[in-house]
Amino acid sequence: MRPLRITLEVPRRWRALVRSRETSLVVLAAVIGVAAGLVVSAMSVGVDVLHRLFFDLSPGQRLSAHQLLDPLRAVAVPLAGGLLFGLAMALIARWRAGREVDPIEANALHGGRMSFRGSLLVAVQTLWSSGVGASVGLEAGYTQLAAGIASSIGRKFRLRRGDLRVLVGCGAAGAIAAAFGAPLAGAFYAFELVIGSYSVASLAPVGLAALLGHVVAQAVSPSSQGIVVASTSTIAGHDLVIAGILGLLAAGLGIALMRGVSFCESLFGRARIPALLRPAIGGLLVGLLALVSPQVMSSGHGALHLAGVLDRSLWAIALVFVLKALASMVSLGSGFRGGLFFASLLLGALGGQLFASGLGALWPSLGLDAGVYAIIGMGALSVAVIGGPLTMTFIALETTGNFWLTTAVLVAVIIATQVTRETFGYSFATWRFHLRGETIRSAADVGWIRDLTVDRMMRHDARTVPVDMRLPAFRDAFPLGAATQVVAIDADDRYAGLVMVAEAHAAELADSGTVGTILHHADDVLLEHMTIKEAVELFDRTEAEALAVADGRETRRVVGLLTEAHALRRYAEALELRRRDVLGQV
């Protein structure tokens, strides 16, 4: 028996209204902003409930803000929680094939299409991971569920590809704004990381969603969701130079942190530990680290209230810095669900404090304010890991309200961004895509390129001849003007090369020869699944006007023929349609 599904069908006149008027899209964005604020509040409350239940905390206390935990709970909870998480993931893998698409991948490859049930599942996994103490960020669950809701609403209204991508960005914007109490940062998180571009038409919906997400979260949970900092001093000229140096160091640390996560994953793989047991082992390791410093646990939201965490000795700050980095790498590498946003903010703040204190000890006359450099380091490291330079700059501005401090943050952010792009080329999200074999480097819409494959462009009636066919027979079969090129195949019906008809009719060729003596591009062949971009690159590399299409590199069975002129024409047509779509949104 098929499961009963209740599908909400939006009336056609409503769909037409939303598709025809930009204001209607803004109304939908407002609804999504409210939903995002509720998602963040609900997940935050859920994690707090799990922390109180599992770690015996009092109401209002944060796990990562504790100075000391019960040793038995600190070790047993993440161990048992990791074991249950691994078992649940094994069952889910049988129930749901494949993996869930996050907002960046959805907008880059799928035109904003996300599964609501899959997004809800990711949010629950993230909530549980943080709830049992794994060192993961909740922002992954916040943005996943809010963007999933947005995508579902957009698909119910059958929005165009471009509008649906904007709506997904609205969900992410509302979630980040609610999580950090920073509407500007939330909006630019959507523009830079989820939509991949900025347009005048997207400003109103994204901005309104971010604002309402923040307002709703503050109304539902008046306690601060974001970052609390101590008062900061003024910025001198030399601080801008030193901020640039800190940005350079933050880029190196961010790259090391991202590679560290993949290194931990590979260690678990090489050790041949079953996937369902990896979170338990990761939880055990995090629990042991928490015996030294409870600040390593969960997302680090409590520790991010910098006015308290930075008011410690340098040795204590350095210890938290090292242990939090290790806990984050182990948690994500062992399979827990979450992100690195919160961890990168905390590590950046701790690193900035250590940097300023160390440099101040060597050069006391500089008079460096450790609180200032905590904010600068927070922005620099987070942009190296997450990306979004304006996002991180606005987080600093909305957190401190200090324009000149924000200028120093911007200097560090620019340098950290550029160094990371030049030497590494990925953010944490796109680095994970790279490890899976994807080539996504941003949320820019490249899905249409992948949809335009060689199989959709080629001629399926490619004419073939045996490679040992005599030239006179070939000339009779293909007189001048009948064709430009013909595909030659061997005795096993495998691709052998291309025969140029004009060349075969050359007078200097002996009649005793075969087409096998005048073959071209014998080693160059297109495959059906190649994208238009890959096809054009192969044409350019081989300097060919046409190439045969095979069903595989090993079988080399000819299934069609594609000319460079036709591929370029189709590519130009697709680009023009894309350009018109973008202009229609401006």
Protein backbone atom coordinates (compact mmCIF):
# COMPACT_ATOMS: atom_id res chain seq x y z
CA MET A 1 0.00 0.00 0.00
CA ARG A 2 1.34 3.41 -0.93
CA PRO A 3 1.63 5.93 1.94
CA LEU A 4 -1.03 8.62 2.09
CA ARG A 5 0.33 11.98 1.02
CA ILE A 6 -1.48 15.25 1.52
CA THR A 7 -0.32 17.78 -1.07
CA LEU A 8 -1.08 21.46 -0.74
CA GLU A 9 -2.14 22.83 -4.10
CA VAL A 10 -1.83 26.60 -4.44
CA PRO A 11 -4.67 28.05 -6.58
CA ARG A 12 -3.63 28.98 -10.09
CA ARG A 13 -4.58 32.66 -9.72
CA TRP A 14 -2.29 32.96 -6.68
CA ARG A 15 0.55 31.34 -8.58
CA ALA A 16 0.03 33.71 -11.49
CA LEU A 17 0.02 36.70 -9.14
CA VAL A 18 3.31 35.69 -7.50
CA ARG A 19 4.98 34.96 -10.83
CA SER A 20 3.89 38.27 -12.34
CA ARG A 21 4.59 40.77 -9.55
CA GLU A 22 7.81 41.33 -7.60
CA THR A 23 5.85 42.55 -4.59
CA SER A 24 4.25 39.13 -4.23
CA LEU A 25 7.70 37.57 -4.01
CA VAL A 26 8.51 40.02 -1.21
CA VAL A 27 5.40 38.85 0.66
CA LEU A 28 6.57 35.24 0.38
CA ALA A 29 10.01 36.32 1.60
CA ALA A 30 8.39 37.90 4.66
CA VAL A 31 6.65 34.62 5.47
CA ILE A 32 9.94 32.78 5.08
CA GLY A 33 11.76 35.28 7.31
CA VAL A 34 9.21 34.66 10.08
CA ALA A 35 9.58 30.90 9.60
CA ALA A 36 13.38 31.19 9.76
CA GLY A 37 13.19 33.09 13.06
CA LEU A 38 10.92 30.40 14.50
CA VAL A 39 13.24 27.64 13.22
CA VAL A 40 16.27 29.19 14.93
CA SER A 41 14.38 29.74 18.19
CA ALA A 42 12.93 26.22 18.20
CA MET A 43 16.26 24.55 17.47
CA SER A 44 18.04 26.66 20.08
CA VAL A 45 15.44 25.72 22.68
CA GLY A 46 15.69 22.10 21.63
CA VAL A 47 19.45 22.04 22.12
CA ASP A 48 19.11 23.76 25.50
CA VAL A 49 16.57 21.14 26.58
CA LEU A 50 18.92 18.31 25.56
CA HIS A 51 21.81 19.95 27.39
CA ARG A 52 19.76 20.33 30.58
CA LEU A 53 18.56 16.75 30.30
CA PHE A 54 21.89 15.11 29.48
CA PHE A 55 24.35 17.36 31.32
CA ASP A 56 22.21 18.40 34.31
CA LEU A 57 22.39 22.12 33.54
CA SER A 58 20.21 24.76 35.12
CA PRO A 59 17.80 26.78 32.94
CA GLY A 60 19.63 29.55 31.11
CA GLN A 61 23.05 27.93 31.42
CA ARG A 62 25.03 27.13 28.29
CA LEU A 63 27.09 23.99 27.99
CA SER A 64 30.17 25.60 26.44
CA ALA A 65 30.13 28.38 29.05
CA HIS A 66 30.67 25.95 31.93
CA GLN A 67 33.99 25.81 33.72
CA LEU A 68 33.56 22.23 34.94
CA LEU A 69 31.31 19.30 34.02
CA ASP A 70 30.54 16.02 35.73
CA PRO A 71 33.32 13.77 34.28
CA LEU A 72 31.00 10.79 33.84
CA ARG A 73 28.43 12.81 31.91
CA ALA A 74 31.10 14.62 29.87
CA VAL A 75 32.37 11.30 28.50
CA ALA A 76 29.27 9.09 28.55
CA VAL A 77 26.81 11.48 26.88
CA PRO A 78 28.74 12.13 23.64
CA LEU A 79 29.79 8.46 23.51
CA ALA A 80 26.25 7.12 23.87
CA GLY A 81 24.85 9.95 21.74
CA GLY A 82 27.34 9.17 19.00
CA LEU A 83 26.44 5.49 19.08
CA LEU A 84 22.73 6.25 18.75
CA PHE A 85 23.50 8.76 16.00
CA GLY A 86 25.51 6.17 14.04
CA LEU A 87 22.75 3.56 14.35
CA ALA A 88 20.13 6.08 13.27
CA MET A 89 22.21 7.11 10.25
CA ALA A 90 22.56 3.46 9.22
CA LEU A 91 18.78 3.04 9.36
CA ILE A 92 18.20 6.30 7.48
CA ALA A 93 20.59 5.17 4.75
CA ARG A 94 18.32 2.18 4.13
CA TRP A 95 15.20 4.33 4.19
CA ARG A 96 16.44 7.26 2.08
CA ALA A 97 18.87 6.65 -0.75
CA GLY A 98 21.43 9.31 -1.63
CA ARG A 99 22.21 12.43 0.38
CA GLU A 100 20.48 15.68 1.15
CA VAL A 101 21.22 18.81 -0.87
CA ASP A 102 22.25 21.91 1.09
CA PRO A 103 21.27 25.48 0.07
CA ILE A 104 24.56 26.22 -1.74
CA GLU A 105 24.43 23.05 -3.82
CA ALA A 106 20.70 23.46 -4.42
CA ASN A 107 21.19 26.91 -5.89
CA ALA A 108 24.30 25.98 -7.84
CA LEU A 109 23.04 22.79 -9.47
CA HIS A 110 19.33 22.28 -8.89
CA GLY A 111 17.78 25.69 -9.43
CA GLY A 112 16.89 26.01 -5.73
CA ARG A 113 15.08 22.68 -5.41
CA MET A 114 15.44 21.13 -1.95
CA SER A 115 13.60 18.36 -0.13
CA PHE A 116 11.65 19.57 2.89
CA ARG A 117 11.70 16.17 4.59
CA GLY A 118 15.39 15.84 3.88
CA SER A 119 16.04 19.32 5.27
CA LEU A 120 14.05 18.53 8.39
CA LEU A 121 16.08 15.37 8.82
CA VAL A 122 19.37 17.30 8.55
CA ALA A 123 18.11 19.82 11.14
CA VAL A 124 17.24 17.01 13.56
CA GLN A 125 20.64 15.39 13.02
CA THR A 126 22.37 18.70 13.70
CA LEU A 127 20.25 19.35 16.79
CA TRP A 128 21.06 15.90 18.19
CA SER A 129 24.77 16.21 17.38
CA SER A 130 25.03 19.50 19.26
CA GLY A 131 22.66 18.28 21.98
CA VAL A 132 24.93 15.38 22.95
CA GLY A 133 27.98 17.66 23.03
CA ALA A 134 29.63 17.13 19.64
CA SER A 135 31.65 20.19 18.62
CA VAL A 136 29.53 21.20 15.63
CA GLY A 137 27.80 24.41 14.63
CA LEU A 138 24.02 24.72 14.61
CA GLU A 139 24.09 27.09 11.64
CA ALA A 140 24.08 24.13 9.24
CA GLY A 141 20.74 22.98 10.63
CA TYR A 142 19.34 26.51 10.85
CA THR A 143 20.02 27.35 7.21
CA GLN A 144 19.14 23.88 5.92
CA LEU A 145 15.66 23.81 7.42
CA ALA A 146 14.85 27.48 6.75
CA ALA A 147 16.02 27.19 3.14
CA GLY A 148 14.17 23.88 2.77
CA ILE A 149 10.94 25.54 3.89
CA ALA A 150 11.57 28.36 1.43
CA SER A 151 12.20 25.93 -1.42
CA SER A 152 9.04 23.99 -0.64
CA ILE A 153 6.94 27.16 -0.62
CA GLY A 154 8.52 28.33 -3.88
CA ARG A 155 7.85 25.00 -5.58
CA LYS A 156 4.23 25.06 -4.45
CA PHE A 157 3.91 28.38 -6.26
CA ARG A 158 5.88 26.95 -9.22
CA LEU A 159 8.30 29.85 -9.23
CA ARG A 160 10.81 30.37 -12.00
CA ARG A 161 14.32 29.06 -11.45
CA GLY A 162 15.74 32.50 -10.62
CA ASP A 163 12.96 33.39 -8.16
CA LEU A 164 13.23 30.04 -6.42
CA ARG A 165 16.97 30.54 -5.92
CA VAL A 166 16.27 33.95 -4.37
CA LEU A 167 13.69 32.43 -2.04
CA VAL A 168 16.19 29.81 -0.85
CA GLY A 169 18.55 32.69 -0.12
CA CYS A 170 15.79 34.36 1.89
CA GLY A 171 15.54 31.29 4.12
CA ALA A 172 19.28 31.26 4.76
CA ALA A 173 19.33 35.04 5.35
CA GLY A 174 16.58 34.84 7.95
CA ALA A 175 18.30 31.96 9.74
CA ILE A 176 21.71 33.62 9.98
CA ALA A 177 20.21 36.96 10.99
CA ALA A 178 18.24 35.24 13.75
CA ALA A 179 21.21 33.18 14.92
CA PHE A 180 23.63 36.09 15.28
CA GLY A 181 21.30 39.02 15.83
CA ALA A 182 22.72 40.58 12.67
CA PRO A 183 20.25 41.33 9.84
CA LEU A 184 22.86 42.88 7.52
CA ALA A 185 25.14 39.88 7.96
CA GLY A 186 22.23 37.54 7.27
CA ALA A 187 21.32 39.35 4.06
CA PHE A 188 24.86 39.34 2.73
CA TYR A 189 25.30 35.69 3.76
CA ALA A 190 22.50 34.98 1.29
CA PHE A 191 23.95 37.19 -1.46
CA GLU A 192 27.55 35.97 -1.16
CA LEU A 193 27.16 32.32 -0.20
CA VAL A 194 23.70 31.05 -1.15
CA ILE A 195 22.55 33.08 -4.16
CA GLY A 196 26.05 33.80 -5.45
CA SER A 197 25.20 37.27 -6.77
CA TYR A 198 23.48 40.53 -5.88
CA SER A 199 20.70 42.22 -7.82
CA VAL A 200 18.34 45.10 -7.10
CA ALA A 201 15.34 42.79 -7.45
CA SER A 202 16.64 40.40 -4.78
CA LEU A 203 17.45 43.15 -2.26
CA ALA A 204 13.91 43.65 -0.98
CA PRO A 205 12.98 39.98 -0.41
CA VAL A 206 16.33 38.97 1.07
CA GLY A 207 16.63 42.07 3.24
CA LEU A 208 13.08 41.74 4.57
CA ALA A 209 13.55 38.03 5.31
CA ALA A 210 16.73 38.77 7.27
CA LEU A 211 15.11 41.57 9.22
CA LEU A 212 12.02 39.55 10.14
CA GLY A 213 14.11 36.52 11.05
CA HIS A 214 16.03 38.67 13.52
CA VAL A 215 12.90 40.35 14.92
CA VAL A 216 11.01 37.07 15.39
CA ALA A 217 13.96 35.34 17.07
CA GLN A 218 14.38 38.26 19.48
CA ALA A 219 10.66 38.30 20.22
CA VAL A 220 10.44 34.56 20.87
CA SER A 221 13.80 34.24 22.67
CA PRO A 222 14.74 37.63 24.16
CA SER A 223 18.08 36.26 25.40
CA SER A 224 20.94 36.99 23.06
CA GLN A 225 21.41 34.48 20.25
CA GLY A 226 24.51 36.24 19.01
CA ILE A 227 27.85 37.43 20.30
CA VAL A 228 28.43 39.62 23.34
CA VAL A 229 31.71 41.54 23.45
CA ALA A 230 33.43 43.76 25.90
CA SER A 231 33.89 47.44 25.09
CA THR A 232 36.67 48.01 22.58
CA SER A 233 39.14 50.83 22.30
CA THR A 234 39.82 53.09 19.32
CA ILE A 235 41.76 51.99 16.25
CA ALA A 236 45.12 53.53 15.42
CA GLY A 237 46.87 53.52 12.03
CA HIS A 238 49.27 50.73 12.96
CA ASP A 239 46.29 48.53 13.89
CA LEU A 240 45.30 48.36 10.22
CA VAL A 241 48.73 47.01 9.28
CA ILE A 242 48.70 44.49 12.13
CA ALA A 243 45.16 43.47 11.17
CA GLY A 244 46.50 42.58 7.71
CA ILE A 245 49.14 40.34 9.28
CA LEU A 246 46.46 38.67 11.40
CA GLY A 247 44.39 38.10 8.26
CA LEU A 248 47.33 36.33 6.65
CA LEU A 249 47.77 34.04 9.66
CA ALA A 250 44.02 33.39 9.83
CA ALA A 251 44.00 32.20 6.21
CA GLY A 252 46.64 29.59 7.01
CA LEU A 253 44.79 28.46 10.12
CA GLY A 254 41.48 28.25 8.25
CA ILE A 255 42.99 26.07 5.53
CA ALA A 256 44.58 23.83 8.17
CA LEU A 257 41.22 23.49 9.94
CA MET A 258 39.40 22.47 6.75
CA ARG A 259 42.09 20.01 5.78
CA GLY A 260 42.07 18.69 9.32
CA VAL A 261 38.42 17.67 9.01
CA SER A 262 39.08 15.74 5.79
CA PHE A 263 42.21 14.20 7.38
CA CYS A 264 40.12 12.89 10.29
CA GLU A 265 37.60 11.44 7.84
CA SER A 266 40.38 9.68 5.95
CA LEU A 267 41.83 8.31 9.20
CA PHE A 268 38.52 6.71 10.10
CA GLY A 269 38.33 5.30 6.58
CA ARG A 270 41.86 3.89 6.60
CA ALA A 271 41.25 2.35 10.02
CA ARG A 272 38.24 0.55 8.46
CA ILE A 273 36.00 1.52 11.35
CA PRO A 274 32.34 0.86 10.48
CA ALA A 275 30.49 4.07 9.71
CA LEU A 276 27.90 3.46 12.42
CA LEU A 277 30.63 3.32 15.11
CA ARG A 278 32.57 6.40 14.01
CA PRO A 279 30.36 8.99 15.76
CA ALA A 280 30.65 7.02 19.01
CA ILE A 281 34.44 7.10 18.81
CA GLY A 282 34.35 10.77 17.88
CA GLY A 283 32.02 11.45 20.81
CA LEU A 284 34.36 9.63 23.17
CA LEU A 285 37.31 11.72 22.03
CA VAL A 286 35.33 14.96 22.41
CA GLY A 287 34.24 13.88 25.88
CA LEU A 288 37.84 13.28 26.91
CA LEU A 289 38.80 16.73 25.63
CA ALA A 290 35.87 18.21 27.56
CA LEU A 291 37.34 16.86 30.79
CA VAL A 292 40.10 19.41 30.28
CA SER A 293 37.92 22.24 28.89
CA PRO A 294 34.11 22.08 28.59
CA GLN A 295 34.29 24.96 26.08
CA VAL A 296 35.05 22.40 23.35
CA MET A 297 31.56 20.96 23.53
CA SER A 298 28.57 21.75 21.34
CA SER A 299 28.53 24.74 19.00
CA GLY A 300 30.42 27.06 21.33
CA HIS A 301 27.52 29.51 21.58
CA GLY A 302 28.12 30.01 25.27
CA ALA A 303 31.84 30.50 24.79
CA LEU A 304 31.14 33.05 22.05
CA HIS A 305 30.04 35.55 24.69
CA LEU A 306 33.52 36.96 24.44
CA ALA A 307 33.25 39.33 27.36
CA GLY A 308 33.71 36.31 29.60
CA VAL A 309 35.80 33.79 27.70
CA LEU A 310 38.61 36.24 26.95
CA ASP A 311 38.92 37.32 30.56
CA ARG A 312 41.33 34.47 31.32
CA SER A 313 45.04 33.74 31.38
CA LEU A 314 46.82 33.31 28.07
CA TRP A 315 47.60 29.68 28.85
CA ALA A 316 43.91 28.96 29.46
CA ILE A 317 42.93 30.70 26.19
CA ALA A 318 45.61 28.80 24.26
CA LEU A 319 44.38 25.52 25.73
CA VAL A 320 40.77 26.20 24.71
CA PHE A 321 41.99 27.23 21.24
CA VAL A 322 43.85 23.98 20.61
CA LEU A 323 41.24 21.69 22.14
CA LYS A 324 38.32 23.37 20.35
CA ALA A 325 40.09 23.00 16.99
CA LEU A 326 40.74 19.30 17.67
CA ALA A 327 37.19 18.70 18.90
CA SER A 328 35.68 20.33 15.80
CA MET A 329 37.84 18.29 13.43
CA VAL A 330 37.10 15.04 15.27
CA SER A 331 33.35 15.70 15.52
CA LEU A 332 32.86 16.47 11.84
CA GLY A 333 35.43 13.90 10.70
CA SER A 334 33.69 11.13 12.64
CA GLY A 335 30.33 11.81 11.01
CA PHE A 336 28.40 14.12 13.33
CA ARG A 337 26.21 16.62 11.46
CA GLY A 338 26.87 20.35 11.69
CA GLY A 339 29.07 23.17 10.46
CA LEU A 340 32.18 25.14 11.28
CA PHE A 341 30.68 28.64 11.41
CA PHE A 342 30.40 28.93 15.19
CA ALA A 343 33.70 27.14 15.75
CA SER A 344 35.54 29.43 13.34
CA LEU A 345 34.15 32.50 15.12
CA LEU A 346 35.26 31.24 18.51
CA LEU A 347 38.66 30.05 17.30
CA GLY A 348 39.20 33.33 15.48
CA ALA A 349 38.41 35.32 18.61
CA LEU A 350 40.74 33.20 20.72
CA GLY A 351 43.45 33.35 18.06
CA GLY A 352 43.16 37.13 17.80
CA GLN A 353 43.50 37.43 21.57
CA LEU A 354 46.61 35.26 21.59
CA PHE A 355 48.12 37.13 18.65
CA ALA A 356 47.60 40.56 20.24
CA SER A 357 48.88 39.44 23.63
CA GLY A 358 51.98 37.78 22.17
CA LEU A 359 52.81 40.74 19.94
CA GLY A 360 52.12 43.15 22.78
CA ALA A 361 54.55 41.30 25.00
CA LEU A 362 57.28 41.60 22.35
CA TRP A 363 56.44 45.24 21.54
CA PRO A 364 54.69 46.85 24.53
CA SER A 365 54.70 50.35 23.04
CA LEU A 366 52.07 49.29 20.47
CA GLY A 367 49.43 49.24 23.19
CA LEU A 368 47.35 46.53 21.47
CA ASP A 369 43.83 45.89 22.81
CA ALA A 370 43.22 42.14 22.98
CA GLY A 371 39.45 42.69 22.75
CA VAL A 372 39.86 44.54 19.46
CA TYR A 373 41.97 41.77 17.96
CA ALA A 374 39.55 39.13 19.17
CA ILE A 375 36.92 40.71 16.90
CA ILE A 376 39.41 41.09 14.02
CA GLY A 377 40.54 37.48 14.37
CA MET A 378 36.93 36.31 14.56
CA GLY A 379 36.15 37.89 11.20
CA ALA A 380 39.39 36.83 9.52
CA LEU A 381 39.27 33.15 10.45
CA SER A 382 35.55 32.78 9.78
CA VAL A 383 35.89 34.27 6.30
CA ALA A 384 38.77 31.89 5.53
CA VAL A 385 36.58 28.92 6.51
CA ILE A 386 33.08 30.02 5.52
CA GLY A 387 33.69 32.70 2.90
CA GLY A 388 31.55 35.82 2.54
CA PRO A 389 33.82 38.78 3.31
CA LEU A 390 30.99 41.31 3.60
CA THR A 391 29.01 38.88 5.75
CA MET A 392 31.82 38.65 8.29
CA THR A 393 32.47 42.37 8.16
CA PHE A 394 28.83 43.15 8.94
CA ILE A 395 28.86 40.66 11.82
CA ALA A 396 31.68 42.72 13.34
CA LEU A 397 29.85 45.99 12.69
CA GLU A 398 26.52 44.81 14.11
CA THR A 399 28.24 43.17 17.08
CA THR A 400 30.33 46.15 18.13
CA GLY A 401 28.72 49.19 16.50
CA ASN A 402 32.28 50.48 16.03
CA PHE A 403 32.89 51.74 12.49
CA TRP A 404 36.66 52.09 12.80
CA LEU A 405 37.01 48.62 14.28
CA THR A 406 34.97 47.35 11.34
CA THR A 407 37.50 48.99 9.02
CA ALA A 408 40.29 46.97 10.64
CA VAL A 409 38.16 43.83 10.34
CA LEU A 410 37.62 44.58 6.66
CA VAL A 411 41.39 44.79 6.09
CA ALA A 412 41.94 41.41 7.75
CA VAL A 413 38.96 39.89 5.94
CA ILE A 414 40.15 41.05 2.50
CA ILE A 415 43.61 39.59 3.01
CA ALA A 416 42.31 36.33 4.50
CA THR A 417 39.85 35.96 1.62
CA GLN A 418 42.43 36.59 -1.09
CA VAL A 419 45.09 34.33 0.41
CA THR A 420 42.58 31.51 0.90
CA ARG A 421 41.29 31.85 -2.67
CA GLU A 422 44.79 31.89 -4.17
CA THR A 423 46.30 29.07 -2.13
CA PHE A 424 43.29 26.84 -1.44
CA GLY A 425 40.35 27.99 -3.55
CA TYR A 426 37.52 26.61 -1.41
CA SER A 427 35.32 27.44 1.55
CA PHE A 428 34.44 24.62 3.95
CA ALA A 429 31.19 23.86 2.10
CA THR A 430 32.76 23.83 -1.36
CA TRP A 431 35.76 21.89 -0.04
CA ARG A 432 33.36 19.13 1.01
CA PHE A 433 31.86 19.20 -2.48
CA HIS A 434 35.37 18.87 -3.92
CA LEU A 435 36.08 15.79 -1.79
CA ARG A 436 32.93 14.20 -3.26
CA GLY A 437 34.15 14.89 -6.79
CA GLU A 438 32.03 18.00 -7.42
CA THR A 439 33.52 21.13 -8.97
CA ILE A 440 31.29 23.71 -7.24
CA ARG A 441 33.21 26.73 -5.95
CA SER A 442 30.23 28.97 -5.19
CA ALA A 443 26.45 29.12 -5.35
CA ALA A 444 26.56 30.67 -8.84
CA ASP A 445 23.97 28.88 -10.99
CA VAL A 446 25.83 26.31 -13.07
CA GLY A 447 23.07 23.72 -13.10
CA TRP A 448 21.92 24.80 -16.56
CA ILE A 449 25.43 24.04 -17.87
CA ARG A 450 25.24 20.53 -16.47
CA ASP A 451 21.81 20.05 -17.98
CA LEU A 452 23.19 20.91 -21.43
CA THR A 453 25.07 17.66 -22.07
CA VAL A 454 26.68 16.17 -25.16
CA ASP A 455 23.85 13.64 -25.34
CA ARG A 456 21.34 16.48 -25.80
CA MET A 457 23.37 18.27 -28.47
CA MET A 458 24.85 15.52 -30.64
CA ARG A 459 23.58 14.06 -33.90
CA HIS A 460 22.47 10.50 -33.29
CA ASP A 461 22.70 9.49 -36.97
CA ALA A 462 26.49 9.53 -37.25
CA ARG A 463 27.57 7.62 -40.39
CA THR A 464 30.24 4.97 -39.91
CA VAL A 465 32.58 2.99 -42.15
CA PRO A 466 34.99 0.13 -41.40
CA VAL A 467 38.57 1.22 -40.83
CA ASP A 468 39.84 -1.13 -43.55
CA MET A 469 37.51 0.27 -46.25
CA ARG A 470 39.33 1.04 -49.52
CA LEU A 471 39.53 4.67 -50.55
CA PRO A 472 37.81 4.19 -53.95
CA ALA A 473 34.85 2.55 -52.22
CA PHE A 474 34.77 5.36 -49.67
CA ARG A 475 34.78 7.99 -52.43
CA ASP A 476 31.88 6.26 -54.15
CA ALA A 477 29.90 6.11 -50.92
CA PHE A 478 30.72 9.69 -49.88
CA PRO A 479 31.20 12.05 -52.82
CA LEU A 480 32.38 15.59 -52.18
CA GLY A 481 29.63 17.60 -50.50
CA ALA A 482 27.80 14.56 -49.16
CA ALA A 483 29.38 14.90 -45.71
CA THR A 484 32.25 16.70 -43.99
CA GLN A 485 33.51 13.87 -41.80
CA VAL A 486 32.68 10.19 -41.32
CA VAL A 487 33.38 7.99 -38.31
CA ALA A 488 35.63 4.96 -38.79
CA ILE A 489 35.17 1.86 -36.62
CA ASP A 490 37.30 -1.25 -36.18
CA ALA A 491 36.33 -4.92 -36.51
CA ASP A 492 34.86 -4.87 -32.98
CA ASP A 493 32.66 -1.85 -33.77
CA ARG A 494 34.86 0.38 -31.59
CA TYR A 495 35.71 3.95 -32.50
CA ALA A 496 38.90 4.19 -34.59
CA GLY A 497 38.99 7.83 -35.74
CA LEU A 498 37.46 10.44 -38.06
CA VAL A 499 37.81 10.48 -41.85
CA MET A 500 37.73 13.90 -43.53
CA VAL A 501 35.76 13.48 -46.79
CA ALA A 502 37.67 16.22 -48.61
CA GLU A 503 41.00 14.67 -47.67
CA ALA A 504 39.85 11.23 -48.84
CA HIS A 505 39.22 12.71 -52.29
CA ALA A 506 42.72 14.18 -52.54
CA ALA A 507 44.37 13.23 -55.90
CA GLU A 508 47.74 12.37 -54.31
CA LEU A 509 46.29 9.47 -52.32
CA ALA A 510 46.84 6.06 -53.80
CA ASP A 511 43.75 4.08 -54.71
CA SER A 512 45.17 1.07 -52.91
CA GLY A 513 45.02 2.81 -49.54
CA THR A 514 42.37 2.45 -46.84
CA VAL A 515 40.61 5.02 -44.69
CA GLY A 516 42.74 3.80 -41.79
CA THR A 517 45.73 5.65 -43.26
CA ILE A 518 44.07 9.08 -43.05
CA LEU A 519 42.36 8.94 -39.66
CA HIS A 520 42.21 11.96 -37.35
CA HIS A 521 41.53 12.25 -33.61
CA ALA A 522 41.82 8.53 -32.98
CA ASP A 523 42.41 9.19 -29.27
CA ASP A 524 39.95 12.05 -28.88
CA VAL A 525 36.33 11.22 -28.21
CA LEU A 526 33.43 12.87 -26.42
CA LEU A 527 31.26 11.03 -23.89
CA GLU A 528 27.48 11.31 -23.62
CA HIS A 529 27.46 12.66 -20.06
CA MET A 530 29.97 15.46 -20.71
CA THR A 531 28.67 18.98 -20.19
CA ILE A 532 28.80 21.71 -22.81
CA LYS A 533 31.70 23.29 -20.94
CA GLU A 534 33.73 20.06 -21.01
CA ALA A 535 32.91 19.54 -24.69
CA VAL A 536 34.04 23.05 -25.66
CA GLU A 537 37.26 22.59 -23.69
CA LEU A 538 37.98 19.33 -25.55
CA PHE A 539 37.32 20.95 -28.92
CA ASP A 540 39.71 23.74 -28.01
CA ARG A 541 42.40 21.36 -26.78
CA THR A 542 42.25 19.04 -29.81
CA GLU A 543 41.66 21.83 -32.36
CA ALA A 544 38.94 19.66 -33.89
CA GLU A 545 35.93 20.85 -35.85
CA ALA A 546 33.95 17.73 -34.98
CA LEU A 547 34.33 14.78 -32.62
CA ALA A 548 32.66 11.41 -32.30
CA VAL A 549 30.59 10.63 -29.20
CA ALA A 550 31.12 7.26 -27.50
CA ASP A 551 29.21 5.47 -24.77
CA GLY A 552 32.36 5.06 -22.64
CA ARG A 553 36.12 5.35 -22.67
CA GLU A 554 36.58 1.59 -22.50
CA THR A 555 33.79 0.35 -24.77
CA ARG A 556 34.18 3.22 -27.31
CA ARG A 557 30.91 2.36 -29.06
CA VAL A 558 29.93 5.26 -31.33
CA VAL A 559 26.57 6.79 -30.46
CA GLY A 560 26.73 10.13 -32.26
CA LEU A 561 28.71 13.06 -33.64
CA LEU A 562 29.01 16.64 -32.41
CA THR A 563 30.50 19.59 -34.27
CA GLU A 564 32.24 22.48 -32.55
CA ALA A 565 30.08 25.01 -34.40
CA HIS A 566 26.85 23.45 -33.14
CA ALA A 567 28.17 23.17 -29.57
CA LEU A 568 29.23 26.82 -29.52
CA ARG A 569 25.90 27.91 -30.97
CA ARG A 570 23.95 26.01 -28.32
CA TYR A 571 26.24 27.40 -25.63
CA ALA A 572 25.69 30.95 -26.88
CA GLU A 573 21.91 30.41 -26.97
CA ALA A 574 21.93 29.13 -23.39
CA LEU A 575 24.03 32.09 -22.25
CA GLU A 576 21.65 34.51 -23.93
CA LEU A 577 18.64 32.92 -22.24
CA ARG A 578 20.49 33.10 -18.95
CA ARG A 579 21.34 36.76 -19.54
CA ARG A 580 17.71 37.61 -20.27
CA ASP A 581 16.61 35.79 -17.13
CA VAL A 582 19.07 37.79 -15.01
CA LEU A 583 18.08 41.09 -16.63
CA GLY A 584 14.47 40.26 -15.96
CA GLN A 585 15.23 40.17 -12.24
CA VAL A 586 16.97 43.58 -12.17
